[in-house]
Amino acid sequence: MHVNPPDALLFTAPGCAYCATVLSGLNALLAEGVIGKLTVMDVAENSGLAAEYGVRAAPWLRLGPFTLTGAHSLEELRQWAGWASGEEGTAHYVEHLLKQGSYLQAKAFTDADTGRLKPLLAVVADPGADLEVRLGVSALLESHAGSQSLQKLLPQLAELTRHADHRVRADACHLLGLTGIADARPLVEACLGDAHEEVREIAAEAMEALEKLPLKE
C-alpha cells in the first residue's frame, strides 16, 4: 500500500544556531520526495501562529504527527519521516518524549488518537526497555483504565500473559485488571497459577480490580 510522504512545518528564528541545518536537511528530503509539502515560517513574523502551535524555541518542526525541537541531522530527519506513518514510529516518538521527561506531551499525543496506545505494547513486551520509558508507558496506559481504548487491546494483552519473561506477564495482568471487562477475567485467572510468584501476586490484585470496577460486556 502506498503511503503519502509526511508534510513538514518548520518554525525558524533569527540567530537560531540549528535552523539552517534542519532546513537544509528538510530541503534535501523534499527534493527526494521523502517529505511532501514543506512550510517554513519565521517565529517573529508569525508570532500568533507560533503561539497557537506552542512554539517556545527554534528550530521547531512538525513532521507528520511528530513535533521535534532542536538540532536534527539529515539522517535523523529521514528516520523520523519514515516513522511518521507507521506504528513503529509512534512507539519511537513516545519513547523519545519520555526520555526527554515530556510525559505530558506524550499523554497529549496519545490522548489525541487513542489508537496510538496499541504500538506502546511493544515497550511493555520489551523487559530490557529503558526503565523510565517503561514506567511512562505504563502510566499512559493506566490513564485509560476502564476505557474502550484499553479494552480494545485485550487480544494483545492476552498474548503478553504468555510471554517468556515474567515481568511482561505481570505487566499484562496488571493492565488486564484495568480494562474493567468480564472477558479479561479468564485471562487473569489463568495467571493465578503462573510459575513466578510476582505474576501470581499481580494476577490476584488484577482479579480484585476486575471485581471492583464496573464491568462492561
N, C-alpha and C. Protein backbone atom coordinates (compact mmCIF):
# COMPACT_ATOMS: atom_id res chain seq x y z
N MET A 1 0.85 -1.19 0.00
CA MET A 1 0.00 0.00 0.00
C MET A 1 0.89 1.24 0.00
N HIS A 2 0.61 2.17 -0.89
CA HIS A 2 1.40 3.40 -0.98
C HIS A 2 1.03 4.32 0.17
N VAL A 3 2.06 4.88 0.80
CA VAL A 3 1.85 5.81 1.91
C VAL A 3 2.34 7.18 1.48
N ASN A 4 1.50 8.19 1.63
CA ASN A 4 1.90 9.53 1.25
C ASN A 4 3.00 10.03 2.18
N PRO A 5 4.00 10.72 1.64
CA PRO A 5 5.06 11.25 2.50
C PRO A 5 4.50 12.31 3.44
N PRO A 6 5.04 12.44 4.63
CA PRO A 6 4.52 13.41 5.59
C PRO A 6 4.87 14.84 5.20
N ASP A 7 3.99 15.77 5.53
CA ASP A 7 4.28 17.18 5.33
C ASP A 7 5.10 17.69 6.51
N ALA A 8 5.80 18.79 6.28
CA ALA A 8 6.65 19.36 7.32
C ALA A 8 6.35 20.85 7.50
N LEU A 9 6.30 21.28 8.75
CA LEU A 9 6.15 22.70 9.10
C LEU A 9 7.31 23.06 10.01
N LEU A 10 8.12 24.01 9.59
CA LEU A 10 9.31 24.40 10.35
C LEU A 10 9.21 25.86 10.77
N PHE A 11 9.37 26.11 12.06
CA PHE A 11 9.48 27.47 12.58
C PHE A 11 10.95 27.76 12.84
N THR A 12 11.42 28.87 12.28
CA THR A 12 12.80 29.30 12.48
C THR A 12 12.81 30.65 13.18
N ALA A 13 14.01 31.09 13.58
CA ALA A 13 14.14 32.39 14.25
C ALA A 13 15.49 32.99 13.90
N PRO A 14 15.59 34.32 13.84
CA PRO A 14 16.86 34.97 13.55
C PRO A 14 17.91 34.58 14.60
N GLY A 15 19.11 34.28 14.15
CA GLY A 15 20.17 33.92 15.07
C GLY A 15 20.10 32.50 15.59
N CYS A 16 19.15 31.72 15.09
CA CYS A 16 18.99 30.33 15.53
C CYS A 16 20.19 29.50 15.08
N ALA A 17 20.81 28.81 16.03
CA ALA A 17 22.06 28.08 15.75
C ALA A 17 21.86 26.85 14.86
N TYR A 18 20.68 26.23 14.95
CA TYR A 18 20.48 24.95 14.25
C TYR A 18 19.46 25.03 13.12
N CYS A 19 18.81 26.16 12.97
CA CYS A 19 17.72 26.26 11.98
C CYS A 19 18.20 25.98 10.56
N ALA A 20 19.36 26.51 10.20
CA ALA A 20 19.85 26.33 8.83
C ALA A 20 20.12 24.86 8.53
N THR A 21 20.65 24.14 9.53
CA THR A 21 20.96 22.71 9.34
C THR A 21 19.68 21.91 9.14
N VAL A 22 18.69 22.18 9.98
CA VAL A 22 17.41 21.46 9.86
C VAL A 22 16.73 21.80 8.54
N LEU A 23 16.75 23.07 8.17
CA LEU A 23 16.12 23.49 6.91
C LEU A 23 16.81 22.84 5.72
N SER A 24 18.13 22.79 5.76
CA SER A 24 18.89 22.16 4.67
C SER A 24 18.51 20.68 4.55
N GLY A 25 18.39 19.99 5.69
CA GLY A 25 18.01 18.59 5.68
C GLY A 25 16.62 18.38 5.12
N LEU A 26 15.69 19.24 5.51
CA LEU A 26 14.31 19.12 5.02
C LEU A 26 14.23 19.39 3.52
N ASN A 27 14.99 20.36 3.05
CA ASN A 27 15.01 20.65 1.61
C ASN A 27 15.54 19.45 0.82
N ALA A 28 16.53 18.78 1.39
CA ALA A 28 17.08 17.59 0.72
C ALA A 28 16.03 16.48 0.67
N LEU A 29 15.30 16.29 1.76
CA LEU A 29 14.26 15.26 1.80
C LEU A 29 13.09 15.62 0.89
N LEU A 30 12.81 16.91 0.78
CA LEU A 30 11.75 17.37 -0.12
C LEU A 30 12.12 17.04 -1.57
N ALA A 31 13.38 17.29 -1.92
CA ALA A 31 13.84 17.02 -3.28
C ALA A 31 13.79 15.52 -3.60
N GLU A 32 14.00 14.70 -2.57
CA GLU A 32 13.98 13.24 -2.76
C GLU A 32 12.55 12.67 -2.74
N GLY A 33 11.59 13.49 -2.33
CA GLY A 33 10.22 13.01 -2.22
C GLY A 33 9.96 12.27 -0.92
N VAL A 34 10.90 12.36 0.03
CA VAL A 34 10.73 11.69 1.32
C VAL A 34 9.70 12.41 2.17
N ILE A 35 9.62 13.73 2.03
CA ILE A 35 8.55 14.51 2.66
C ILE A 35 7.73 15.17 1.56
N GLY A 36 6.51 15.54 1.91
CA GLY A 36 5.63 16.18 0.94
C GLY A 36 5.83 17.68 0.93
N LYS A 37 4.86 18.40 1.40
CA LYS A 37 4.93 19.86 1.42
C LYS A 37 5.82 20.33 2.56
N LEU A 38 6.63 21.36 2.31
CA LEU A 38 7.47 21.97 3.34
C LEU A 38 7.08 23.42 3.50
N THR A 39 6.66 23.79 4.70
CA THR A 39 6.30 25.17 5.02
C THR A 39 7.28 25.70 6.05
N VAL A 40 7.88 26.84 5.76
CA VAL A 40 8.85 27.44 6.68
C VAL A 40 8.33 28.80 7.13
N MET A 41 8.33 29.02 8.43
CA MET A 41 7.83 30.27 9.00
C MET A 41 8.81 30.84 10.01
N ASP A 42 8.93 32.15 10.00
CA ASP A 42 9.75 32.85 10.99
C ASP A 42 8.89 33.11 12.22
N VAL A 43 9.40 32.72 13.38
CA VAL A 43 8.63 32.87 14.63
C VAL A 43 8.25 34.33 14.86
N ALA A 44 9.19 35.25 14.65
CA ALA A 44 8.94 36.67 14.91
C ALA A 44 7.86 37.23 13.99
N GLU A 45 7.84 36.76 12.75
CA GLU A 45 6.87 37.27 11.78
C GLU A 45 5.51 36.56 11.88
N ASN A 46 5.49 35.43 12.56
CA ASN A 46 4.24 34.65 12.70
C ASN A 46 4.03 34.27 14.16
N SER A 47 4.13 35.26 15.04
CA SER A 47 4.07 35.00 16.48
C SER A 47 2.73 34.41 16.92
N GLY A 48 1.65 34.85 16.28
CA GLY A 48 0.33 34.33 16.65
C GLY A 48 0.21 32.85 16.34
N LEU A 49 0.63 32.48 15.14
CA LEU A 49 0.56 31.07 14.75
C LEU A 49 1.54 30.23 15.58
N ALA A 50 2.71 30.82 15.86
CA ALA A 50 3.69 30.11 16.68
C ALA A 50 3.12 29.83 18.07
N ALA A 51 2.42 30.81 18.62
CA ALA A 51 1.81 30.62 19.95
C ALA A 51 0.73 29.55 19.88
N GLU A 52 -0.01 29.53 18.77
CA GLU A 52 -1.08 28.54 18.60
C GLU A 52 -0.51 27.11 18.58
N TYR A 53 0.66 26.95 17.99
CA TYR A 53 1.31 25.64 17.94
C TYR A 53 2.11 25.33 19.20
N GLY A 54 2.26 26.32 20.06
CA GLY A 54 3.02 26.09 21.29
C GLY A 54 4.52 26.13 21.08
N VAL A 55 4.96 26.90 20.08
CA VAL A 55 6.39 27.02 19.79
C VAL A 55 7.06 27.86 20.86
N ARG A 56 8.07 27.29 21.51
CA ARG A 56 8.79 28.02 22.56
C ARG A 56 10.24 28.28 22.19
N ALA A 57 10.74 27.55 21.21
CA ALA A 57 12.12 27.71 20.78
C ALA A 57 12.25 27.22 19.34
N ALA A 58 13.27 27.72 18.66
CA ALA A 58 13.52 27.31 17.27
C ALA A 58 14.88 26.61 17.20
N PRO A 59 15.02 25.65 16.27
CA PRO A 59 14.00 25.22 15.31
C PRO A 59 12.92 24.35 15.96
N TRP A 60 11.70 24.54 15.48
CA TRP A 60 10.55 23.76 15.93
C TRP A 60 9.96 23.13 14.69
N LEU A 61 9.81 21.82 14.69
CA LEU A 61 9.38 21.10 13.50
C LEU A 61 8.19 20.20 13.78
N ARG A 62 7.15 20.34 12.95
CA ARG A 62 6.05 19.38 12.94
C ARG A 62 6.23 18.53 11.68
N LEU A 63 6.55 17.27 11.87
CA LEU A 63 6.79 16.35 10.76
C LEU A 63 5.77 15.23 10.84
N GLY A 64 4.76 15.31 9.98
CA GLY A 64 3.65 14.37 10.10
C GLY A 64 3.00 14.58 11.46
N PRO A 65 2.82 13.53 12.27
CA PRO A 65 2.20 13.68 13.58
C PRO A 65 3.19 14.07 14.68
N PHE A 66 4.48 14.13 14.34
CA PHE A 66 5.51 14.33 15.35
C PHE A 66 5.92 15.79 15.47
N THR A 67 6.22 16.21 16.70
CA THR A 67 6.77 17.53 16.96
C THR A 67 8.19 17.35 17.48
N LEU A 68 9.15 17.94 16.77
CA LEU A 68 10.56 17.79 17.12
C LEU A 68 11.19 19.17 17.30
N THR A 69 12.04 19.29 18.28
CA THR A 69 12.71 20.57 18.53
C THR A 69 14.22 20.37 18.57
N GLY A 70 14.94 21.45 18.34
CA GLY A 70 16.39 21.39 18.43
C GLY A 70 17.04 20.83 17.18
N ALA A 71 18.32 20.52 17.30
CA ALA A 71 19.13 20.06 16.15
C ALA A 71 18.79 18.63 15.76
N HIS A 72 18.68 18.40 14.47
CA HIS A 72 18.48 17.05 13.93
C HIS A 72 19.23 16.95 12.61
N SER A 73 20.01 15.89 12.49
CA SER A 73 20.79 15.69 11.26
C SER A 73 19.87 15.24 10.13
N LEU A 74 20.43 15.23 8.92
CA LEU A 74 19.67 14.78 7.76
C LEU A 74 19.18 13.35 7.97
N GLU A 75 20.04 12.48 8.47
CA GLU A 75 19.66 11.08 8.66
C GLU A 75 18.61 10.93 9.76
N GLU A 76 18.70 11.75 10.79
CA GLU A 76 17.67 11.71 11.84
C GLU A 76 16.33 12.15 11.28
N LEU A 77 16.34 13.20 10.48
CA LEU A 77 15.10 13.68 9.86
C LEU A 77 14.53 12.62 8.91
N ARG A 78 15.41 11.95 8.20
CA ARG A 78 14.97 10.89 7.27
C ARG A 78 14.30 9.76 8.05
N GLN A 79 14.90 9.42 9.21
CA GLN A 79 14.34 8.36 10.04
C GLN A 79 12.96 8.74 10.56
N TRP A 80 12.83 9.96 11.07
CA TRP A 80 11.53 10.41 11.59
C TRP A 80 10.48 10.48 10.48
N ALA A 81 10.89 10.89 9.29
CA ALA A 81 9.96 10.94 8.16
C ALA A 81 9.47 9.53 7.82
N GLY A 82 10.38 8.56 7.90
CA GLY A 82 10.00 7.17 7.64
C GLY A 82 9.07 6.62 8.70
N TRP A 83 9.26 7.08 9.92
CA TRP A 83 8.42 6.60 11.03
C TRP A 83 7.06 7.31 11.10
N ALA A 84 6.90 8.38 10.36
CA ALA A 84 5.73 9.24 10.52
C ALA A 84 4.41 8.57 10.15
N SER A 85 4.46 7.44 9.45
CA SER A 85 3.21 6.82 9.01
C SER A 85 3.05 5.38 9.46
N GLY A 86 3.76 4.98 10.54
CA GLY A 86 3.64 3.61 10.98
C GLY A 86 3.58 3.47 12.49
N GLU A 87 3.12 2.30 12.96
CA GLU A 87 3.00 2.06 14.39
C GLU A 87 4.37 2.08 15.08
N GLU A 88 5.38 1.57 14.40
CA GLU A 88 6.72 1.55 14.98
C GLU A 88 7.16 2.96 15.34
N GLY A 89 6.87 3.91 14.44
CA GLY A 89 7.25 5.30 14.68
C GLY A 89 6.54 5.89 15.87
N THR A 90 5.29 5.51 16.08
CA THR A 90 4.53 6.00 17.23
C THR A 90 5.22 5.62 18.53
N ALA A 91 5.64 4.36 18.61
CA ALA A 91 6.34 3.90 19.82
C ALA A 91 7.66 4.63 20.00
N HIS A 92 8.39 4.82 18.90
CA HIS A 92 9.67 5.52 18.98
C HIS A 92 9.48 6.98 19.43
N TYR A 93 8.42 7.60 18.93
CA TYR A 93 8.18 9.01 19.28
C TYR A 93 7.83 9.14 20.76
N VAL A 94 6.95 8.28 21.25
CA VAL A 94 6.59 8.33 22.67
C VAL A 94 7.82 8.05 23.53
N GLU A 95 8.63 7.10 23.11
CA GLU A 95 9.87 6.80 23.82
C GLU A 95 10.78 8.03 23.85
N HIS A 96 10.88 8.71 22.72
CA HIS A 96 11.68 9.94 22.61
C HIS A 96 11.18 11.00 23.60
N LEU A 97 9.88 11.18 23.68
CA LEU A 97 9.31 12.17 24.59
C LEU A 97 9.56 11.80 26.05
N LEU A 98 9.37 10.55 26.38
CA LEU A 98 9.53 10.10 27.76
C LEU A 98 10.99 10.22 28.22
N LYS A 99 11.92 9.95 27.32
CA LYS A 99 13.34 10.09 27.67
C LYS A 99 13.70 11.55 27.90
N GLN A 100 12.94 12.45 27.28
CA GLN A 100 13.14 13.89 27.48
C GLN A 100 12.44 14.39 28.73
N GLY A 101 11.68 13.52 29.37
CA GLY A 101 10.92 13.94 30.53
C GLY A 101 9.63 14.66 30.16
N SER A 102 9.16 14.46 28.92
CA SER A 102 7.97 15.16 28.44
C SER A 102 6.74 14.26 28.50
N TYR A 103 6.40 13.79 29.71
CA TYR A 103 5.26 12.89 29.86
C TYR A 103 3.96 13.55 29.41
N LEU A 104 3.75 14.79 29.79
CA LEU A 104 2.50 15.47 29.45
C LEU A 104 2.34 15.60 27.93
N GLN A 105 3.45 15.81 27.23
CA GLN A 105 3.38 15.88 25.77
C GLN A 105 3.06 14.51 25.19
N ALA A 106 3.63 13.47 25.80
CA ALA A 106 3.35 12.10 25.35
C ALA A 106 1.88 11.77 25.60
N LYS A 107 1.34 12.22 26.73
CA LYS A 107 -0.07 11.96 27.05
C LYS A 107 -0.99 12.71 26.08
N ALA A 108 -0.64 13.94 25.78
CA ALA A 108 -1.45 14.71 24.83
C ALA A 108 -1.43 14.04 23.46
N PHE A 109 -0.28 13.50 23.09
CA PHE A 109 -0.13 12.83 21.79
C PHE A 109 -1.00 11.57 21.71
N THR A 110 -0.98 10.76 22.76
CA THR A 110 -1.78 9.52 22.75
C THR A 110 -3.26 9.81 22.99
N ASP A 111 -3.57 10.83 23.79
CA ASP A 111 -4.98 11.18 24.01
C ASP A 111 -5.62 11.70 22.73
N ALA A 112 -4.83 12.35 21.88
CA ALA A 112 -5.37 12.91 20.63
C ALA A 112 -5.82 11.80 19.69
N ASP A 113 -5.24 10.63 19.82
CA ASP A 113 -5.62 9.47 19.00
C ASP A 113 -5.31 8.23 19.83
N THR A 114 -6.32 7.67 20.49
CA THR A 114 -6.06 6.54 21.39
C THR A 114 -5.64 5.28 20.65
N GLY A 115 -5.75 5.28 19.33
CA GLY A 115 -5.21 4.18 18.55
C GLY A 115 -3.69 4.10 18.68
N ARG A 116 -3.09 5.18 19.16
CA ARG A 116 -1.64 5.21 19.35
C ARG A 116 -1.21 4.44 20.60
N LEU A 117 -2.16 3.96 21.38
CA LEU A 117 -1.81 3.18 22.57
C LEU A 117 -1.31 1.78 22.18
N LYS A 118 -1.89 1.22 21.15
CA LYS A 118 -1.54 -0.15 20.75
C LYS A 118 -0.04 -0.33 20.47
N PRO A 119 0.60 0.58 19.72
CA PRO A 119 2.03 0.40 19.48
C PRO A 119 2.88 0.44 20.74
N LEU A 120 2.34 1.04 21.80
CA LEU A 120 3.10 1.13 23.05
C LEU A 120 3.27 -0.22 23.72
N LEU A 121 2.47 -1.19 23.33
CA LEU A 121 2.61 -2.53 23.89
C LEU A 121 3.94 -3.17 23.50
N ALA A 122 4.57 -2.64 22.46
CA ALA A 122 5.91 -3.12 22.09
C ALA A 122 6.90 -2.82 23.21
N VAL A 123 6.68 -1.71 23.91
CA VAL A 123 7.54 -1.35 25.05
C VAL A 123 7.23 -2.27 26.23
N VAL A 124 5.95 -2.52 26.47
CA VAL A 124 5.54 -3.43 27.54
C VAL A 124 6.16 -4.80 27.32
N ALA A 125 6.23 -5.21 26.06
CA ALA A 125 6.74 -6.54 25.71
C ALA A 125 8.26 -6.63 25.74
N ASP A 126 8.92 -5.50 25.99
CA ASP A 126 10.38 -5.49 26.00
C ASP A 126 10.90 -5.24 27.41
N PRO A 127 11.22 -6.30 28.15
CA PRO A 127 11.69 -6.14 29.53
C PRO A 127 13.02 -5.40 29.63
N GLY A 128 13.72 -5.31 28.52
CA GLY A 128 15.01 -4.61 28.52
C GLY A 128 14.90 -3.14 28.17
N ALA A 129 13.68 -2.65 27.95
CA ALA A 129 13.50 -1.24 27.61
C ALA A 129 13.91 -0.35 28.77
N ASP A 130 14.27 0.87 28.44
CA ASP A 130 14.65 1.86 29.44
C ASP A 130 13.57 1.94 30.53
N LEU A 131 14.00 1.91 31.80
CA LEU A 131 13.04 1.87 32.91
C LEU A 131 12.14 3.08 32.91
N GLU A 132 12.70 4.26 32.65
CA GLU A 132 11.89 5.48 32.63
C GLU A 132 10.82 5.40 31.55
N VAL A 133 11.18 4.81 30.43
CA VAL A 133 10.23 4.66 29.33
C VAL A 133 9.15 3.66 29.70
N ARG A 134 9.54 2.52 30.29
CA ARG A 134 8.56 1.51 30.69
C ARG A 134 7.56 2.09 31.70
N LEU A 135 8.07 2.85 32.66
CA LEU A 135 7.18 3.45 33.67
C LEU A 135 6.25 4.47 33.03
N GLY A 136 6.79 5.25 32.10
CA GLY A 136 5.97 6.26 31.42
C GLY A 136 4.88 5.63 30.58
N VAL A 137 5.23 4.57 29.85
CA VAL A 137 4.24 3.87 29.02
C VAL A 137 3.16 3.24 29.90
N SER A 138 3.57 2.67 31.03
CA SER A 138 2.59 2.09 31.96
C SER A 138 1.62 3.16 32.43
N ALA A 139 2.15 4.34 32.76
CA ALA A 139 1.30 5.43 33.23
C ALA A 139 0.33 5.88 32.13
N LEU A 140 0.81 5.92 30.89
CA LEU A 140 -0.06 6.32 29.78
C LEU A 140 -1.20 5.33 29.61
N LEU A 141 -0.88 4.04 29.68
CA LEU A 141 -1.92 3.02 29.53
C LEU A 141 -2.86 3.03 30.73
N GLU A 142 -2.31 3.20 31.93
CA GLU A 142 -3.13 3.22 33.15
C GLU A 142 -4.10 4.39 33.15
N SER A 143 -3.74 5.48 32.48
CA SER A 143 -4.61 6.66 32.45
C SER A 143 -5.90 6.40 31.67
N HIS A 144 -5.94 5.26 30.95
CA HIS A 144 -7.14 4.90 30.18
C HIS A 144 -7.88 3.72 30.82
N ALA A 145 -7.67 3.52 32.11
CA ALA A 145 -8.34 2.43 32.82
C ALA A 145 -9.85 2.49 32.62
N GLY A 146 -10.44 1.34 32.31
CA GLY A 146 -11.88 1.25 32.14
C GLY A 146 -12.41 1.79 30.82
N SER A 147 -11.51 2.26 29.96
CA SER A 147 -11.96 2.86 28.70
C SER A 147 -11.97 1.84 27.56
N GLN A 148 -12.71 2.15 26.52
CA GLN A 148 -12.77 1.27 25.35
C GLN A 148 -11.42 1.17 24.68
N SER A 149 -10.64 2.24 24.74
CA SER A 149 -9.33 2.23 24.08
C SER A 149 -8.41 1.19 24.71
N LEU A 150 -8.51 0.98 26.02
CA LEU A 150 -7.72 -0.06 26.68
C LEU A 150 -8.35 -1.43 26.47
N GLN A 151 -9.67 -1.48 26.48
CA GLN A 151 -10.36 -2.75 26.29
C GLN A 151 -10.08 -3.34 24.91
N LYS A 152 -9.86 -2.49 23.92
CA LYS A 152 -9.56 -2.97 22.56
C LYS A 152 -8.23 -3.70 22.48
N LEU A 153 -7.40 -3.51 23.49
CA LEU A 153 -6.07 -4.14 23.50
C LEU A 153 -6.10 -5.53 24.12
N LEU A 154 -7.28 -6.04 24.44
CA LEU A 154 -7.41 -7.33 25.10
C LEU A 154 -6.66 -8.46 24.37
N PRO A 155 -6.80 -8.60 23.04
CA PRO A 155 -6.09 -9.70 22.35
C PRO A 155 -4.57 -9.61 22.51
N GLN A 156 -4.04 -8.40 22.41
CA GLN A 156 -2.59 -8.22 22.55
C GLN A 156 -2.14 -8.49 23.99
N LEU A 157 -2.93 -8.03 24.96
CA LEU A 157 -2.59 -8.26 26.37
C LEU A 157 -2.68 -9.75 26.69
N ALA A 158 -3.65 -10.42 26.10
CA ALA A 158 -3.78 -11.87 26.32
C ALA A 158 -2.52 -12.59 25.85
N GLU A 159 -2.00 -12.15 24.71
CA GLU A 159 -0.77 -12.76 24.18
C GLU A 159 0.41 -12.51 25.12
N LEU A 160 0.45 -11.31 25.71
CA LEU A 160 1.57 -10.97 26.59
C LEU A 160 1.53 -11.75 27.90
N THR A 161 0.36 -12.26 28.28
CA THR A 161 0.31 -13.08 29.51
C THR A 161 1.03 -14.41 29.31
N ARG A 162 1.38 -14.72 28.06
CA ARG A 162 2.10 -15.97 27.76
C ARG A 162 3.55 -15.69 27.38
N HIS A 163 4.00 -14.46 27.63
CA HIS A 163 5.37 -14.06 27.29
C HIS A 163 6.39 -14.85 28.12
N ALA A 164 7.58 -15.06 27.58
CA ALA A 164 8.61 -15.83 28.28
C ALA A 164 9.12 -15.13 29.53
N ASP A 165 9.08 -13.79 29.54
CA ASP A 165 9.61 -13.05 30.68
C ASP A 165 8.49 -12.76 31.70
N HIS A 166 8.74 -13.08 32.96
CA HIS A 166 7.69 -12.92 33.97
C HIS A 166 7.29 -11.47 34.18
N ARG A 167 8.23 -10.52 33.93
CA ARG A 167 7.90 -9.10 34.12
C ARG A 167 6.85 -8.65 33.12
N VAL A 168 6.95 -9.16 31.91
CA VAL A 168 5.97 -8.83 30.88
C VAL A 168 4.62 -9.45 31.23
N ARG A 169 4.64 -10.70 31.69
CA ARG A 169 3.38 -11.35 32.08
C ARG A 169 2.71 -10.59 33.23
N ALA A 170 3.51 -10.14 34.18
CA ALA A 170 2.96 -9.39 35.32
C ALA A 170 2.35 -8.08 34.87
N ASP A 171 3.05 -7.36 33.98
CA ASP A 171 2.52 -6.09 33.48
C ASP A 171 1.23 -6.30 32.69
N ALA A 172 1.19 -7.38 31.92
CA ALA A 172 -0.02 -7.69 31.15
C ALA A 172 -1.20 -7.95 32.07
N CYS A 173 -0.96 -8.69 33.15
CA CYS A 173 -2.03 -8.97 34.12
C CYS A 173 -2.52 -7.67 34.76
N HIS A 174 -1.58 -6.82 35.10
CA HIS A 174 -1.94 -5.53 35.71
C HIS A 174 -2.85 -4.72 34.79
N LEU A 175 -2.48 -4.65 33.51
CA LEU A 175 -3.27 -3.88 32.56
C LEU A 175 -4.62 -4.54 32.28
N LEU A 176 -4.65 -5.86 32.26
CA LEU A 176 -5.93 -6.55 32.10
C LEU A 176 -6.87 -6.22 33.25
N GLY A 177 -6.30 -6.08 34.43
CA GLY A 177 -7.11 -5.72 35.59
C GLY A 177 -7.72 -4.35 35.50
N LEU A 178 -7.14 -3.50 34.64
CA LEU A 178 -7.66 -2.14 34.47
C LEU A 178 -8.68 -2.01 33.35
N THR A 179 -8.89 -3.08 32.59
CA THR A 179 -9.82 -3.00 31.46
C THR A 179 -11.27 -2.88 31.91
N GLY A 180 -11.58 -3.53 33.04
CA GLY A 180 -12.94 -3.43 33.56
C GLY A 180 -13.96 -4.22 32.77
N ILE A 181 -13.54 -5.28 32.09
CA ILE A 181 -14.49 -6.09 31.32
C ILE A 181 -14.38 -7.56 31.72
N ALA A 182 -15.50 -8.25 31.64
CA ALA A 182 -15.57 -9.64 32.07
C ALA A 182 -14.65 -10.55 31.25
N ASP A 183 -14.44 -10.21 29.98
CA ASP A 183 -13.59 -11.04 29.12
C ASP A 183 -12.15 -11.12 29.63
N ALA A 184 -11.76 -10.17 30.46
CA ALA A 184 -10.39 -10.18 30.97
C ALA A 184 -10.22 -11.19 32.11
N ARG A 185 -11.32 -11.57 32.75
CA ARG A 185 -11.22 -12.42 33.94
C ARG A 185 -10.56 -13.78 33.68
N PRO A 186 -10.99 -14.54 32.67
CA PRO A 186 -10.35 -15.85 32.46
C PRO A 186 -8.86 -15.72 32.13
N LEU A 187 -8.48 -14.63 31.47
CA LEU A 187 -7.08 -14.41 31.13
C LEU A 187 -6.25 -14.18 32.39
N VAL A 188 -6.81 -13.38 33.30
CA VAL A 188 -6.11 -13.09 34.55
C VAL A 188 -6.13 -14.32 35.45
N GLU A 189 -7.26 -15.01 35.46
CA GLU A 189 -7.40 -16.20 36.30
C GLU A 189 -6.36 -17.26 35.94
N ALA A 190 -6.06 -17.37 34.65
CA ALA A 190 -5.06 -18.35 34.21
C ALA A 190 -3.68 -18.02 34.77
N CYS A 191 -3.46 -16.75 35.06
CA CYS A 191 -2.16 -16.32 35.58
C CYS A 191 -2.04 -16.55 37.09
N LEU A 192 -3.13 -16.90 37.74
CA LEU A 192 -3.06 -17.16 39.18
C LEU A 192 -2.21 -18.39 39.48
N GLY A 193 -2.03 -19.24 38.48
CA GLY A 193 -1.21 -20.43 38.65
C GLY A 193 0.15 -20.31 37.97
N ASP A 194 0.56 -19.06 37.66
CA ASP A 194 1.83 -18.84 36.99
C ASP A 194 3.00 -19.38 37.82
N ALA A 195 4.07 -19.76 37.15
CA ALA A 195 5.24 -20.33 37.84
C ALA A 195 5.97 -19.29 38.68
N HIS A 196 5.78 -17.99 38.37
CA HIS A 196 6.51 -16.94 39.08
C HIS A 196 5.61 -16.25 40.11
N GLU A 197 6.14 -16.08 41.31
CA GLU A 197 5.35 -15.50 42.41
C GLU A 197 4.85 -14.10 42.09
N GLU A 198 5.68 -13.28 41.48
CA GLU A 198 5.28 -11.90 41.18
C GLU A 198 4.06 -11.87 40.27
N VAL A 199 4.04 -12.75 39.28
CA VAL A 199 2.91 -12.80 38.36
C VAL A 199 1.65 -13.22 39.10
N ARG A 200 1.79 -14.20 39.97
CA ARG A 200 0.62 -14.67 40.74
C ARG A 200 0.06 -13.54 41.62
N GLU A 201 0.97 -12.77 42.23
CA GLU A 201 0.53 -11.67 43.10
C GLU A 201 -0.19 -10.58 42.30
N ILE A 202 0.39 -10.21 41.16
CA ILE A 202 -0.23 -9.18 40.31
C ILE A 202 -1.56 -9.68 39.77
N ALA A 203 -1.63 -10.96 39.42
CA ALA A 203 -2.88 -11.54 38.91
C ALA A 203 -3.97 -11.48 39.98
N ALA A 204 -3.59 -11.76 41.21
CA ALA A 204 -4.57 -11.70 42.31
C ALA A 204 -5.08 -10.28 42.49
N GLU A 205 -4.18 -9.30 42.40
CA GLU A 205 -4.59 -7.90 42.51
C GLU A 205 -5.48 -7.50 41.35
N ALA A 206 -5.16 -8.02 40.16
CA ALA A 206 -5.96 -7.70 38.98
C ALA A 206 -7.36 -8.29 39.09
N MET A 207 -7.47 -9.48 39.65
CA MET A 207 -8.79 -10.08 39.85
C MET A 207 -9.62 -9.22 40.80
N GLU A 208 -8.96 -8.71 41.84
CA GLU A 208 -9.65 -7.81 42.77
C GLU A 208 -10.14 -6.58 42.05
N ALA A 209 -9.28 -6.00 41.20
CA ALA A 209 -9.64 -4.80 40.46
C ALA A 209 -10.82 -5.05 39.53
N LEU A 210 -10.84 -6.21 38.91
CA LEU A 210 -11.93 -6.54 37.99
C LEU A 210 -13.25 -6.69 38.73
N GLU A 211 -13.18 -7.11 39.97
CA GLU A 211 -14.40 -7.24 40.77
C GLU A 211 -14.91 -5.89 41.22
N LYS A 212 -14.00 -4.92 41.40
CA LYS A 212 -14.40 -3.60 41.89
C LYS A 212 -14.87 -2.67 40.76
N LEU A 213 -14.23 -2.77 39.61
CA LEU A 213 -14.59 -1.87 38.51
C LEU A 213 -15.94 -2.27 37.92
N PRO A 214 -16.72 -1.27 37.47
CA PRO A 214 -17.96 -1.59 36.78
C PRO A 214 -17.64 -2.37 35.50
N LEU A 215 -18.17 -3.55 35.39
CA LEU A 215 -17.86 -4.39 34.24
C LEU A 215 -18.71 -4.00 33.03
N LYS A 216 -18.03 -3.94 31.88
CA LYS A 216 -18.71 -3.60 30.62
C LYS A 216 -18.57 -4.78 29.68
N GLU A 217 -19.70 -5.37 29.35
CA GLU A 217 -19.66 -6.55 28.47
C GLU A 217 -19.30 -6.13 27.06
